[in-house]
């Protein structure tokens, strides 16, 4: 699993975000799903991410173009480090 923001179990926050987004497939998705069944800490982190996503979507904050560009660049960086 990726090394950024790892917890004791070794699962990175970006891996949980990719799971939540439905970006993991096949064996990788199954591995994370099994891990979530056994790791309370990761289940809690995943639920916190889901709550944050719901709040952000409910607010639908308006972003200017520069903010969108910076967020896209940050997301691309996270994607590269997750591999």
N, C-alpha and C. Protein backbone atom coordinates (compact mmCIF):
# COMPACT_ATOMS: atom_id res chain seq x y z
N UNK A 1 0.84 -1.17 0.00
CA UNK A 1 0.00 0.00 0.00
C UNK A 1 0.90 1.25 0.00
N UNK A 2 0.36 2.36 -0.43
CA UNK A 2 1.14 3.58 -0.52
C UNK A 2 1.63 4.00 0.86
N UNK A 3 2.71 4.76 0.88
CA UNK A 3 3.34 5.08 2.15
C UNK A 3 2.91 6.41 2.75
N UNK A 4 2.18 7.25 2.01
CA UNK A 4 1.81 8.54 2.57
C UNK A 4 0.69 8.38 3.59
N UNK A 5 0.88 9.04 4.70
CA UNK A 5 -0.08 9.05 5.80
C UNK A 5 -0.51 7.63 6.20
N UNK A 6 0.45 6.73 6.30
CA UNK A 6 0.15 5.38 6.74
C UNK A 6 -0.18 5.36 8.23
N UNK A 7 -0.97 4.42 8.62
CA UNK A 7 -1.23 4.18 10.02
C UNK A 7 -0.55 2.88 10.40
N UNK A 8 -0.74 2.46 11.61
CA UNK A 8 -0.05 1.26 12.09
C UNK A 8 -0.21 0.05 11.17
N UNK A 9 -1.37 -0.07 10.57
CA UNK A 9 -1.62 -1.24 9.72
C UNK A 9 -0.95 -1.13 8.36
N UNK A 10 -0.51 0.07 7.97
CA UNK A 10 0.19 0.24 6.70
C UNK A 10 -0.69 0.70 5.55
N UNK A 11 -1.98 0.91 5.77
CA UNK A 11 -2.87 1.36 4.71
C UNK A 11 -2.81 2.89 4.64
N UNK A 12 -2.54 3.41 3.46
CA UNK A 12 -2.43 4.85 3.28
C UNK A 12 -3.80 5.48 3.09
N UNK A 13 -3.90 6.71 3.51
CA UNK A 13 -5.15 7.46 3.36
C UNK A 13 -5.57 7.53 1.90
N UNK A 14 -4.62 7.71 1.00
CA UNK A 14 -4.96 7.79 -0.42
C UNK A 14 -5.57 6.48 -0.92
N UNK A 15 -5.15 5.35 -0.37
CA UNK A 15 -5.74 4.07 -0.75
C UNK A 15 -7.19 4.00 -0.32
N UNK A 16 -7.48 4.49 0.87
CA UNK A 16 -8.87 4.52 1.33
C UNK A 16 -9.71 5.47 0.47
N UNK A 17 -9.14 6.60 0.07
CA UNK A 17 -9.87 7.53 -0.79
C UNK A 17 -10.16 6.87 -2.14
N UNK A 18 -9.19 6.16 -2.68
CA UNK A 18 -9.40 5.49 -3.97
C UNK A 18 -10.46 4.40 -3.84
N UNK A 19 -10.49 3.71 -2.70
CA UNK A 19 -11.52 2.70 -2.45
C UNK A 19 -12.89 3.36 -2.41
N UNK A 20 -12.99 4.45 -1.68
CA UNK A 20 -14.25 5.18 -1.56
C UNK A 20 -14.73 5.68 -2.92
N UNK A 21 -13.79 6.07 -3.78
CA UNK A 21 -14.13 6.58 -5.11
C UNK A 21 -14.43 5.47 -6.11
N UNK A 22 -14.23 4.20 -5.70
CA UNK A 22 -14.47 3.09 -6.61
C UNK A 22 -13.38 2.91 -7.65
N UNK A 23 -12.20 3.44 -7.37
CA UNK A 23 -11.08 3.38 -8.32
C UNK A 23 -10.29 2.08 -8.23
N UNK A 24 -10.45 1.32 -7.15
CA UNK A 24 -9.70 0.08 -7.01
C UNK A 24 -10.50 -1.04 -7.66
N UNK A 25 -9.81 -1.93 -8.31
CA UNK A 25 -10.48 -3.05 -8.99
C UNK A 25 -9.77 -4.35 -8.68
N UNK A 26 -10.45 -5.42 -8.99
CA UNK A 26 -9.86 -6.75 -8.92
C UNK A 26 -9.28 -7.11 -7.56
N UNK A 27 -8.09 -7.68 -7.62
CA UNK A 27 -7.43 -8.16 -6.40
C UNK A 27 -7.17 -7.04 -5.41
N UNK A 28 -6.82 -5.86 -5.91
CA UNK A 28 -6.54 -4.73 -5.02
C UNK A 28 -7.79 -4.33 -4.24
N UNK A 29 -8.92 -4.26 -4.93
CA UNK A 29 -10.18 -3.92 -4.27
C UNK A 29 -10.55 -4.97 -3.24
N UNK A 30 -10.35 -6.24 -3.58
CA UNK A 30 -10.67 -7.33 -2.66
C UNK A 30 -9.77 -7.28 -1.43
N UNK A 31 -8.50 -6.98 -1.64
CA UNK A 31 -7.56 -6.88 -0.52
C UNK A 31 -7.97 -5.78 0.45
N UNK A 32 -8.32 -4.63 -0.09
CA UNK A 32 -8.72 -3.51 0.77
C UNK A 32 -10.04 -3.84 1.48
N UNK A 33 -10.98 -4.46 0.78
CA UNK A 33 -12.26 -4.83 1.40
C UNK A 33 -12.04 -5.81 2.55
N UNK A 34 -11.18 -6.80 2.35
CA UNK A 34 -10.88 -7.75 3.44
C UNK A 34 -10.23 -7.02 4.61
N UNK A 35 -9.31 -6.11 4.30
CA UNK A 35 -8.64 -5.37 5.37
C UNK A 35 -9.65 -4.54 6.15
N UNK A 36 -10.57 -3.90 5.45
CA UNK A 36 -11.57 -3.08 6.14
C UNK A 36 -12.44 -3.93 7.06
N UNK A 37 -12.65 -5.17 6.70
CA UNK A 37 -13.42 -6.06 7.55
C UNK A 37 -12.72 -6.38 8.86
N UNK A 38 -11.40 -6.26 8.86
CA UNK A 38 -10.62 -6.63 10.04
C UNK A 38 -10.05 -5.43 10.81
N UNK A 39 -10.00 -4.26 10.19
CA UNK A 39 -9.31 -3.12 10.80
C UNK A 39 -10.30 -2.00 11.15
N UNK A 40 -10.59 -1.89 12.41
CA UNK A 40 -11.54 -0.88 12.90
C UNK A 40 -11.03 0.54 12.59
N UNK A 41 -9.74 0.76 12.76
CA UNK A 41 -9.17 2.09 12.52
C UNK A 41 -9.40 2.53 11.08
N UNK A 42 -9.18 1.64 10.13
CA UNK A 42 -9.38 1.99 8.72
C UNK A 42 -10.86 2.17 8.40
N UNK A 43 -11.73 1.36 9.00
CA UNK A 43 -13.17 1.56 8.80
C UNK A 43 -13.59 2.93 9.31
N UNK A 44 -13.05 3.32 10.47
CA UNK A 44 -13.37 4.64 11.02
C UNK A 44 -12.86 5.75 10.11
N UNK A 45 -11.65 5.59 9.59
CA UNK A 45 -11.07 6.59 8.68
C UNK A 45 -11.90 6.68 7.40
N UNK A 46 -12.32 5.53 6.88
CA UNK A 46 -13.13 5.51 5.67
C UNK A 46 -14.47 6.20 5.90
N UNK A 47 -15.08 5.95 7.04
CA UNK A 47 -16.35 6.60 7.36
C UNK A 47 -16.16 8.11 7.52
N UNK A 48 -15.06 8.53 8.11
CA UNK A 48 -14.77 9.97 8.23
C UNK A 48 -14.62 10.60 6.85
N UNK A 49 -13.95 9.91 5.94
CA UNK A 49 -13.82 10.42 4.57
C UNK A 49 -15.18 10.52 3.90
N UNK A 50 -16.01 9.52 4.09
CA UNK A 50 -17.35 9.53 3.49
C UNK A 50 -18.19 10.68 4.05
N UNK A 51 -18.09 10.91 5.36
CA UNK A 51 -18.83 12.03 5.97
C UNK A 51 -18.35 13.36 5.40
N UNK A 52 -17.03 13.51 5.28
CA UNK A 52 -16.47 14.75 4.73
C UNK A 52 -16.96 14.96 3.30
N UNK A 53 -16.95 13.91 2.51
CA UNK A 53 -17.43 14.00 1.13
C UNK A 53 -18.89 14.45 1.10
N UNK A 54 -19.72 13.86 1.95
CA UNK A 54 -21.14 14.24 1.98
C UNK A 54 -21.32 15.71 2.35
N UNK A 55 -20.54 16.16 3.33
CA UNK A 55 -20.63 17.57 3.75
C UNK A 55 -20.22 18.50 2.62
N UNK A 56 -19.12 18.16 1.97
CA UNK A 56 -18.65 19.02 0.88
C UNK A 56 -19.64 19.06 -0.27
N UNK A 57 -20.20 17.91 -0.60
CA UNK A 57 -21.18 17.88 -1.68
C UNK A 57 -22.44 18.64 -1.30
N UNK A 58 -22.84 18.59 -0.05
CA UNK A 58 -24.04 19.30 0.39
C UNK A 58 -23.83 20.81 0.31
N UNK A 59 -22.63 21.26 0.58
CA UNK A 59 -22.34 22.69 0.56
C UNK A 59 -22.11 23.21 -0.85
N UNK A 60 -21.65 22.36 -1.73
CA UNK A 60 -21.32 22.73 -3.10
C UNK A 60 -20.61 24.08 -3.15
N UNK A 61 -19.41 24.12 -2.55
CA UNK A 61 -18.70 25.41 -2.51
C UNK A 61 -18.32 25.87 -3.92
N UNK A 62 -18.43 27.15 -4.14
CA UNK A 62 -18.01 27.72 -5.42
C UNK A 62 -16.51 27.95 -5.39
N UNK A 63 -15.83 27.48 -6.40
CA UNK A 63 -14.38 27.65 -6.49
C UNK A 63 -14.04 28.45 -7.73
N UNK A 64 -13.07 29.34 -7.57
CA UNK A 64 -12.61 30.06 -8.74
C UNK A 64 -11.70 29.14 -9.57
N UNK A 65 -11.39 29.53 -10.77
CA UNK A 65 -10.62 28.69 -11.69
C UNK A 65 -9.26 28.32 -11.11
N UNK A 66 -8.55 29.25 -10.48
CA UNK A 66 -7.23 28.97 -9.92
C UNK A 66 -7.30 27.89 -8.84
N UNK A 67 -8.33 27.93 -8.02
CA UNK A 67 -8.50 26.92 -6.97
C UNK A 67 -8.74 25.55 -7.59
N UNK A 68 -9.56 25.49 -8.61
CA UNK A 68 -9.83 24.22 -9.30
C UNK A 68 -8.54 23.66 -9.89
N UNK A 69 -7.74 24.50 -10.53
CA UNK A 69 -6.48 24.06 -11.12
C UNK A 69 -5.54 23.53 -10.04
N UNK A 70 -5.44 24.22 -8.91
CA UNK A 70 -4.57 23.75 -7.81
C UNK A 70 -5.07 22.42 -7.24
N UNK A 71 -6.38 22.27 -7.07
CA UNK A 71 -6.94 21.02 -6.55
C UNK A 71 -6.69 19.87 -7.52
N UNK A 72 -6.83 20.11 -8.81
CA UNK A 72 -6.57 19.06 -9.80
C UNK A 72 -5.10 18.66 -9.79
N UNK A 73 -4.20 19.62 -9.65
CA UNK A 73 -2.78 19.30 -9.58
C UNK A 73 -2.47 18.49 -8.33
N UNK A 74 -3.09 18.83 -7.22
CA UNK A 74 -2.89 18.08 -5.98
C UNK A 74 -3.42 16.66 -6.12
N UNK A 75 -4.59 16.50 -6.72
CA UNK A 75 -5.17 15.17 -6.93
C UNK A 75 -4.27 14.33 -7.83
N UNK A 76 -3.69 14.95 -8.85
CA UNK A 76 -2.78 14.22 -9.74
C UNK A 76 -1.54 13.78 -8.98
N UNK A 77 -1.05 14.61 -8.09
CA UNK A 77 0.11 14.25 -7.27
C UNK A 77 -0.22 13.07 -6.37
N UNK A 78 -1.39 13.08 -5.75
CA UNK A 78 -1.81 11.96 -4.90
C UNK A 78 -1.91 10.67 -5.70
N UNK A 79 -2.43 10.77 -6.91
CA UNK A 79 -2.57 9.59 -7.76
C UNK A 79 -1.21 9.01 -8.10
N UNK A 80 -0.26 9.86 -8.41
CA UNK A 80 1.10 9.38 -8.75
C UNK A 80 1.77 8.71 -7.55
N UNK A 81 1.58 9.25 -6.36
CA UNK A 81 2.24 8.68 -5.19
C UNK A 81 1.56 7.40 -4.71
N UNK A 82 0.32 7.17 -5.15
CA UNK A 82 -0.40 5.97 -4.73
C UNK A 82 0.04 4.73 -5.51
N UNK A 83 0.73 4.91 -6.58
CA UNK A 83 1.14 3.76 -7.42
C UNK A 83 2.41 3.14 -6.94
